[in-house]
Amino acid sequence: MPILYNVRHGLELALKYVLRELAAINMAVERDGAVDHDVKSYWEHLSAQVVGDHRCRTLIAALEPFVQSLGKIDPDGQALRYFQNRDGRQSLADYAVVHLPLIQASIAGLREILDQLVRRVSELEQEVAAGAMTNECSRSDLIQIAGVVGAKATWTEAAFLDRKAEARARFGLTSNGISRALAVIQDARELKTLIGIETPLAYLSAGTLTEIAVRWLETNPPPAANVESTVVSATDIDFEEMDRHCKAAAVLDRWALERLSIEEFADLQTIFYVGRDRLFGELYERVLEGTLATHRVETRRIMLVHHILSKTNFIDGLIAGLIRVGQPTLATQIKQLQDEARPHL
């Protein structure tokens, strides 16, 4: 059964990969002993790990029937590969019937689980870098917990205890475990917005950001809503309009250079990139620190200013970034300014 050998080999490689990657981010420990092809042993070791992510644990558990079946048929990875085993006897001699439709469906199911598991491990590597997690709960778990417990303003209500108990039960947490989870949620820029808490920006005020948005939208009016993009021929270009826009953009650049301090513009740039690149809000301070260092040594800051303000997706990135760094109310206000600036057809 070459196809089953490939399936078994794929499962073995996936288990080894997941274990190695989880160990690299301190969410598991490597298996002791020599490297072999015992998928059952690798899965048992992996499932015994206290992986601090509910989704990951669920996917690992879902592999059990496949591991048990393949491990029983071929414990050392040789029976499905060779016609004869090491003792000279025919491999799989005790299995006379093969249910091909069942095998086909099982392979599809196994592939889906492995795809999700490998993808989830990759996501965990990014989440760990952001730091908003506990030993028991990943960042994704904390997002779900925040959705269960509700707004911080309601935590004094009797119903909060029921919601807290629900979160504990869903994620298998102790009393201390749920307390640690809630503490991290309240401390993380992006996560705390889920319970109704906003966080001030490092340098920019709401008034300054609104002023920037208004100025930018005056220079770069957004298109009407639900209008598809079109290809513009060179013969249709309005060069006078292009010249007018270039001059207006230069005025905007000079205004921003004079109006904003180095720290404020670095803050603006950071928010934009957090939104555009979909970075976790908890990385805001770290990205801002690097951005500010660059601005402080740049002698031609007008180039940095133009690089950001000339982007056609500036407002979209700014809105998305404000949500992520803990200012969803301001993001909504700027989105409203953008919508009001659209032409009405």
Protein backbone atom coordinates (compact mmCIF):
# COMPACT_ATOMS: atom_id res chain seq x y z
CA MET A 1 0.00 0.00 0.00
CA PRO A 2 2.32 2.79 -1.19
CA ILE A 3 -0.36 5.44 -0.65
CA LEU A 4 -0.70 4.49 3.01
CA TYR A 5 3.06 4.51 3.42
CA ASN A 6 3.08 8.09 2.12
CA VAL A 7 0.26 8.97 4.51
CA ARG A 8 2.08 7.42 7.43
CA HIS A 9 5.31 9.15 6.48
CA GLY A 10 3.51 12.49 6.17
CA LEU A 11 1.96 12.02 9.61
CA GLU A 12 5.36 11.15 11.09
CA LEU A 13 7.03 14.21 9.59
CA ALA A 14 4.18 16.46 10.74
CA LEU A 15 4.39 15.17 14.32
CA LYS A 16 8.14 15.70 14.41
CA TYR A 17 7.79 19.18 12.91
CA VAL A 18 5.07 20.26 15.35
CA LEU A 19 7.02 18.95 18.33
CA ARG A 20 10.21 20.70 17.21
CA GLU A 21 8.50 24.03 16.55
CA LEU A 22 6.56 23.98 19.82
CA ALA A 23 9.76 23.17 21.69
CA ALA A 24 11.46 26.14 20.01
CA ILE A 25 8.89 28.51 21.54
CA ASN A 26 8.92 26.76 24.93
CA MET A 27 5.46 25.26 24.57
CA ALA A 28 6.72 21.65 24.57
CA VAL A 29 9.85 19.61 25.24
CA GLU A 30 11.57 17.37 22.73
CA ARG A 31 11.22 13.59 23.04
CA ASP A 32 14.15 11.81 24.68
CA GLY A 33 15.90 8.89 23.02
CA ALA A 34 16.92 8.05 19.49
CA VAL A 35 15.03 9.37 16.49
CA ASP A 36 12.83 6.63 15.02
CA HIS A 37 9.65 6.11 12.98
CA ASP A 38 7.26 5.27 15.82
CA VAL A 39 4.34 7.62 15.13
CA LYS A 40 2.43 6.35 18.16
CA SER A 41 5.31 7.18 20.48
CA TYR A 42 5.72 10.67 18.98
CA TRP A 43 2.00 11.40 19.23
CA GLU A 44 1.80 10.14 22.82
CA HIS A 45 4.71 12.38 23.78
CA LEU A 46 3.17 15.36 21.99
CA SER A 47 -0.29 14.84 23.46
CA ALA A 48 1.22 14.63 26.95
CA GLN A 49 2.66 18.14 26.62
CA VAL A 50 0.84 20.99 28.34
CA VAL A 51 0.57 23.14 25.22
CA GLY A 52 -0.82 26.55 26.14
CA ASP A 53 -3.25 26.78 23.23
CA HIS A 54 -6.72 25.24 23.20
CA ARG A 55 -6.90 24.95 19.41
CA CYS A 56 -3.54 23.22 19.18
CA ARG A 57 -4.45 20.73 21.90
CA THR A 58 -7.75 19.96 20.16
CA LEU A 59 -6.05 19.28 16.82
CA ILE A 60 -3.40 17.07 18.42
CA ALA A 61 -6.14 15.05 20.14
CA ALA A 62 -8.00 14.71 16.82
CA LEU A 63 -5.02 12.79 15.40
CA GLU A 64 -5.45 9.90 17.85
CA PRO A 65 -7.58 7.53 15.68
CA PHE A 66 -5.22 7.95 12.73
CA VAL A 67 -2.15 7.40 14.90
CA GLN A 68 -3.64 4.34 16.58
CA SER A 69 -4.68 2.80 13.26
CA LEU A 70 -1.43 3.40 11.40
CA GLY A 71 0.63 2.54 14.47
CA LYS A 72 -1.14 -0.80 14.78
CA ILE A 73 -0.74 -1.70 11.10
CA ASP A 74 2.83 -0.48 10.78
CA PRO A 75 4.53 0.28 14.13
CA ASP A 76 8.03 0.86 12.72
CA GLY A 77 7.35 2.32 9.29
CA GLN A 78 8.45 -0.77 7.36
CA ALA A 79 5.30 -2.83 6.71
CA LEU A 80 3.63 -0.34 4.38
CA ARG A 81 6.86 0.37 2.59
CA TYR A 82 8.16 -3.11 1.75
CA PHE A 83 6.50 -6.27 0.43
CA GLN A 84 8.45 -8.35 2.93
CA ASN A 85 9.35 -7.53 6.51
CA ARG A 86 12.73 -8.03 8.14
CA ASP A 87 11.82 -11.62 9.07
CA GLY A 88 11.24 -12.49 5.43
CA ARG A 89 7.47 -12.74 5.79
CA GLN A 90 4.93 -10.92 3.64
CA SER A 91 4.01 -7.52 5.02
CA LEU A 92 0.37 -6.99 6.01
CA ALA A 93 -0.37 -10.69 5.50
CA ASP A 94 -3.08 -10.52 8.16
CA TYR A 95 -5.01 -7.79 6.34
CA ALA A 96 -6.87 -9.36 3.42
CA VAL A 97 -9.45 -6.64 2.78
CA VAL A 98 -8.87 -2.95 2.09
CA HIS A 99 -11.82 -0.55 2.20
CA LEU A 100 -10.64 1.97 -0.39
CA PRO A 101 -13.52 4.51 -0.07
CA LEU A 102 -12.98 4.59 3.71
CA ILE A 103 -9.23 5.03 3.25
CA GLN A 104 -9.80 7.86 0.79
CA ALA A 105 -12.14 9.68 3.18
CA SER A 106 -9.79 9.11 6.11
CA ILE A 107 -6.81 10.49 4.19
CA ALA A 108 -8.79 13.65 3.37
CA GLY A 109 -9.73 14.05 7.02
CA LEU A 110 -6.17 13.52 8.22
CA ARG A 111 -4.82 16.00 5.70
CA GLU A 112 -7.26 18.67 6.89
CA ILE A 113 -6.26 18.17 10.53
CA LEU A 114 -2.54 18.28 9.73
CA ASP A 115 -2.96 21.39 7.58
CA GLN A 116 -4.75 23.17 10.41
CA LEU A 117 -2.25 21.99 13.02
CA VAL A 118 0.82 23.10 11.05
CA ARG A 119 -0.85 26.44 10.32
CA ARG A 120 -1.77 26.89 13.97
CA VAL A 121 1.79 26.21 15.11
CA SER A 122 3.03 28.85 12.66
CA GLU A 123 0.51 31.33 14.08
CA LEU A 124 1.65 30.52 17.61
CA GLU A 125 5.22 31.43 16.70
CA GLN A 126 3.98 34.91 15.77
CA GLU A 127 1.76 35.20 18.84
CA VAL A 128 4.59 34.29 21.19
CA ALA A 129 6.67 37.14 19.75
CA ALA A 130 3.94 39.60 20.78
CA GLY A 131 4.07 38.37 24.36
CA ALA A 132 0.37 38.60 25.27
CA MET A 133 -0.14 35.08 26.63
CA THR A 134 0.09 32.93 29.74
CA ASN A 135 1.49 29.44 30.25
CA GLU A 136 -2.05 28.06 29.91
CA CYS A 137 -3.51 30.37 27.26
CA SER A 138 -2.30 31.62 23.90
CA ARG A 139 -3.14 35.05 22.55
CA SER A 140 -6.01 33.52 20.55
CA ASP A 141 -7.33 31.89 23.72
CA LEU A 142 -7.23 35.25 25.50
CA ILE A 143 -9.23 36.84 22.69
CA GLN A 144 -11.94 34.22 23.16
CA ILE A 145 -11.85 34.62 26.94
CA ALA A 146 -12.27 38.38 26.55
CA GLY A 147 -15.33 37.74 24.42
CA VAL A 148 -16.81 35.51 27.11
CA VAL A 149 -16.19 37.69 30.18
CA GLY A 150 -17.39 40.90 28.52
CA ALA A 151 -16.63 44.56 29.19
CA LYS A 152 -14.56 45.43 32.24
CA ALA A 153 -17.29 47.81 33.37
CA THR A 154 -19.57 44.80 33.95
CA TRP A 155 -17.12 42.82 36.08
CA THR A 156 -18.73 44.04 39.29
CA GLU A 157 -22.05 42.47 38.28
CA ALA A 158 -23.12 39.08 39.63
CA ALA A 159 -23.43 37.71 36.08
CA PHE A 160 -19.70 38.20 35.60
CA LEU A 161 -18.98 35.29 37.93
CA ASP A 162 -21.00 33.01 35.64
CA ARG A 163 -19.14 34.25 32.57
CA LYS A 164 -15.83 33.82 34.34
CA ALA A 165 -16.78 30.25 35.30
CA GLU A 166 -17.74 29.56 31.69
CA ALA A 167 -14.33 30.74 30.48
CA ARG A 168 -12.61 28.61 33.12
CA ALA A 169 -14.54 25.51 32.06
CA ARG A 170 -14.01 26.06 28.33
CA PHE A 171 -10.25 26.38 28.65
CA GLY A 172 -9.72 24.08 31.62
CA LEU A 173 -8.30 26.80 33.85
CA THR A 174 -7.80 26.95 37.59
CA SER A 175 -8.84 29.99 39.60
CA ASN A 176 -5.29 31.32 39.37
CA GLY A 177 -5.19 30.47 35.67
CA ILE A 178 -8.22 32.59 34.82
CA SER A 179 -6.86 35.40 36.99
CA ARG A 180 -3.60 35.35 35.05
CA ALA A 181 -5.51 35.38 31.77
CA LEU A 182 -7.61 38.39 32.80
CA ALA A 183 -4.52 40.24 34.00
CA VAL A 184 -2.80 39.82 30.64
CA ILE A 185 -5.93 40.88 28.76
CA GLN A 186 -6.12 44.08 30.81
CA ASP A 187 -2.45 44.82 30.15
CA ALA A 188 -2.31 44.22 26.38
CA ARG A 189 -3.01 47.19 24.08
CA GLU A 190 -5.10 45.37 21.52
CA LEU A 191 -6.70 42.76 23.77
CA LYS A 192 -7.95 45.23 26.36
CA THR A 193 -10.07 46.97 23.72
CA LEU A 194 -12.13 43.76 23.64
CA ILE A 195 -13.22 44.49 27.22
CA GLY A 196 -13.83 48.18 26.55
CA ILE A 197 -10.50 49.68 27.65
CA GLU A 198 -8.59 52.06 25.38
CA THR A 199 -4.92 53.04 25.71
CA PRO A 200 -3.38 56.46 24.94
CA LEU A 201 -0.83 56.72 22.16
CA ALA A 202 2.77 57.47 22.99
CA TYR A 203 2.95 60.94 21.39
CA LEU A 204 -0.06 61.75 19.20
CA SER A 205 -3.27 63.22 20.56
CA ALA A 206 -6.71 62.56 19.13
CA GLY A 207 -6.92 66.17 17.99
CA THR A 208 -3.63 66.03 16.10
CA LEU A 209 -4.53 62.75 14.43
CA THR A 210 -7.88 64.12 13.36
CA GLU A 211 -6.18 67.21 11.92
CA ILE A 212 -3.77 64.99 9.98
CA ALA A 213 -6.64 62.90 8.62
CA VAL A 214 -8.62 65.97 7.52
CA ARG A 215 -5.60 67.49 5.76
CA TRP A 216 -4.73 64.22 4.03
CA LEU A 217 -8.30 63.64 2.84
CA GLU A 218 -8.45 67.17 1.43
CA THR A 219 -5.32 66.43 -0.59
CA ASN A 220 -6.30 62.87 -1.47
CA PRO A 221 -10.11 62.67 -1.75
CA PRO A 222 -11.25 59.04 -1.54
CA PRO A 223 -13.21 57.54 -4.45
CA ALA A 224 -16.92 56.97 -4.28
CA ALA A 225 -17.99 53.84 -2.45
CA ASN A 226 -18.40 50.60 -4.41
CA VAL A 227 -16.68 51.95 -7.53
CA GLU A 228 -14.51 49.40 -9.30
CA SER A 229 -10.96 50.30 -10.27
CA THR A 230 -10.34 51.02 -13.94
CA VAL A 231 -7.31 51.05 -16.19
CA VAL A 232 -6.40 54.58 -17.30
CA SER A 233 -4.81 55.01 -20.70
CA ALA A 234 -1.86 57.39 -21.02
CA THR A 235 -3.92 59.44 -23.46
CA ASP A 236 -6.57 59.98 -20.78
CA ILE A 237 -4.21 61.34 -18.13
CA ASP A 238 -5.01 64.88 -17.06
CA PHE A 239 -1.51 66.29 -16.66
CA GLU A 240 -2.78 69.57 -15.27
CA GLU A 241 -4.63 67.67 -12.56
CA MET A 242 -1.52 65.58 -11.92
CA ASP A 243 0.57 68.73 -11.52
CA ARG A 244 -2.03 70.23 -9.19
CA HIS A 245 -2.04 67.11 -7.02
CA CYS A 246 1.76 66.99 -6.85
CA LYS A 247 1.85 70.59 -5.64
CA ALA A 248 -0.89 69.91 -3.09
CA ALA A 249 0.99 66.82 -1.85
CA ALA A 250 4.15 68.90 -1.45
CA VAL A 251 2.19 71.42 0.63
CA LEU A 252 0.89 68.57 2.79
CA ASP A 253 4.41 67.21 3.28
CA ARG A 254 5.77 70.59 4.36
CA TRP A 255 2.83 71.16 6.68
CA ALA A 256 3.36 67.80 8.38
CA LEU A 257 7.09 68.42 8.69
CA GLU A 258 6.48 71.74 10.45
CA ARG A 259 3.38 70.72 12.41
CA LEU A 260 4.56 67.40 13.83
CA SER A 261 7.53 66.72 16.06
CA ILE A 262 9.91 63.88 15.25
CA GLU A 263 8.20 61.80 17.92
CA GLU A 264 4.71 62.52 16.63
CA PHE A 265 5.50 61.60 13.05
CA ALA A 266 7.31 58.44 14.13
CA ASP A 267 4.15 57.59 16.07
CA LEU A 268 2.03 58.23 12.97
CA GLN A 269 4.26 56.04 10.81
CA THR A 270 4.20 53.26 13.39
CA ILE A 271 0.41 53.24 13.60
CA PHE A 272 0.16 53.11 9.82
CA TYR A 273 2.48 50.12 9.49
CA VAL A 274 0.89 48.26 12.40
CA GLY A 275 -2.41 48.57 10.55
CA ARG A 276 -1.19 47.94 7.03
CA ASP A 277 0.95 44.95 7.96
CA ARG A 278 -1.61 43.61 10.47
CA LEU A 279 0.87 43.52 13.31
CA PHE A 280 -0.27 42.69 16.81
CA GLY A 281 -1.00 45.85 18.79
CA GLU A 282 1.31 44.64 21.55
CA LEU A 283 4.24 45.25 19.17
CA TYR A 284 3.42 48.97 18.96
CA GLU A 285 6.02 50.21 21.46
CA ARG A 286 8.71 47.98 19.99
CA VAL A 287 8.09 49.16 16.42
CA LEU A 288 7.82 52.78 17.56
CA GLU A 289 11.21 52.58 19.26
CA GLY A 290 12.91 51.46 16.04
CA THR A 291 11.02 53.97 13.91
CA LEU A 292 11.91 56.83 16.22
CA ALA A 293 15.59 55.88 16.14
CA THR A 294 15.51 56.08 12.34
CA HIS A 295 13.83 59.49 12.31
CA ARG A 296 16.26 60.94 14.83
CA VAL A 297 19.30 60.24 12.64
CA GLU A 298 17.70 61.13 9.29
CA THR A 299 18.92 64.51 8.03
CA ARG A 300 16.32 64.75 5.24
CA ARG A 301 13.16 64.01 7.16
CA ILE A 302 11.01 65.36 4.33
CA MET A 303 11.76 62.11 2.48
CA LEU A 304 10.40 60.03 5.35
CA VAL A 305 7.35 62.25 5.62
CA HIS A 306 6.60 62.04 1.90
CA HIS A 307 7.13 58.29 1.89
CA ILE A 308 4.25 57.84 4.34
CA LEU A 309 1.85 60.60 3.29
CA SER A 310 2.12 59.73 -0.41
CA LYS A 311 0.69 56.26 0.16
CA THR A 312 -2.80 55.91 -1.29
CA ASN A 313 -3.77 53.51 1.50
CA PHE A 314 -2.59 55.85 4.26
CA ILE A 315 -6.02 56.42 5.80
CA ASP A 316 -6.97 52.75 5.57
CA GLY A 317 -3.72 51.76 7.30
CA LEU A 318 -4.17 54.48 9.92
CA ILE A 319 -7.70 53.33 10.76
CA ALA A 320 -6.65 49.68 11.00
CA GLY A 321 -3.61 50.61 13.07
CA LEU A 322 -5.59 52.67 15.56
CA ILE A 323 -7.85 49.70 16.23
CA ARG A 324 -4.86 47.47 16.89
CA VAL A 325 -2.93 49.87 19.13
CA GLY A 326 -5.85 50.53 21.44
CA GLN A 327 -7.78 53.46 19.95
CA PRO A 328 -10.89 51.98 18.27
CA THR A 329 -13.06 55.02 19.04
CA LEU A 330 -10.67 57.35 17.23
CA ALA A 331 -10.46 54.84 14.38
CA THR A 332 -14.24 55.01 14.01
CA GLN A 333 -14.15 58.81 13.95
CA ILE A 334 -11.50 58.89 11.22
CA LYS A 335 -13.42 56.26 9.24
CA GLN A 336 -16.41 58.58 9.41
CA LEU A 337 -14.29 61.45 8.07
CA GLN A 338 -13.19 59.22 5.21
CA ASP A 339 -16.78 58.27 4.37
CA GLU A 340 -17.92 61.89 4.52
CA ALA A 341 -15.13 62.86 2.10
CA ARG A 342 -16.31 60.39 -0.54
CA PRO A 343 -18.21 61.84 -3.50
CA HIS A 344 -21.87 60.83 -3.62
CA LEU A 345 -22.86 59.52 -7.03
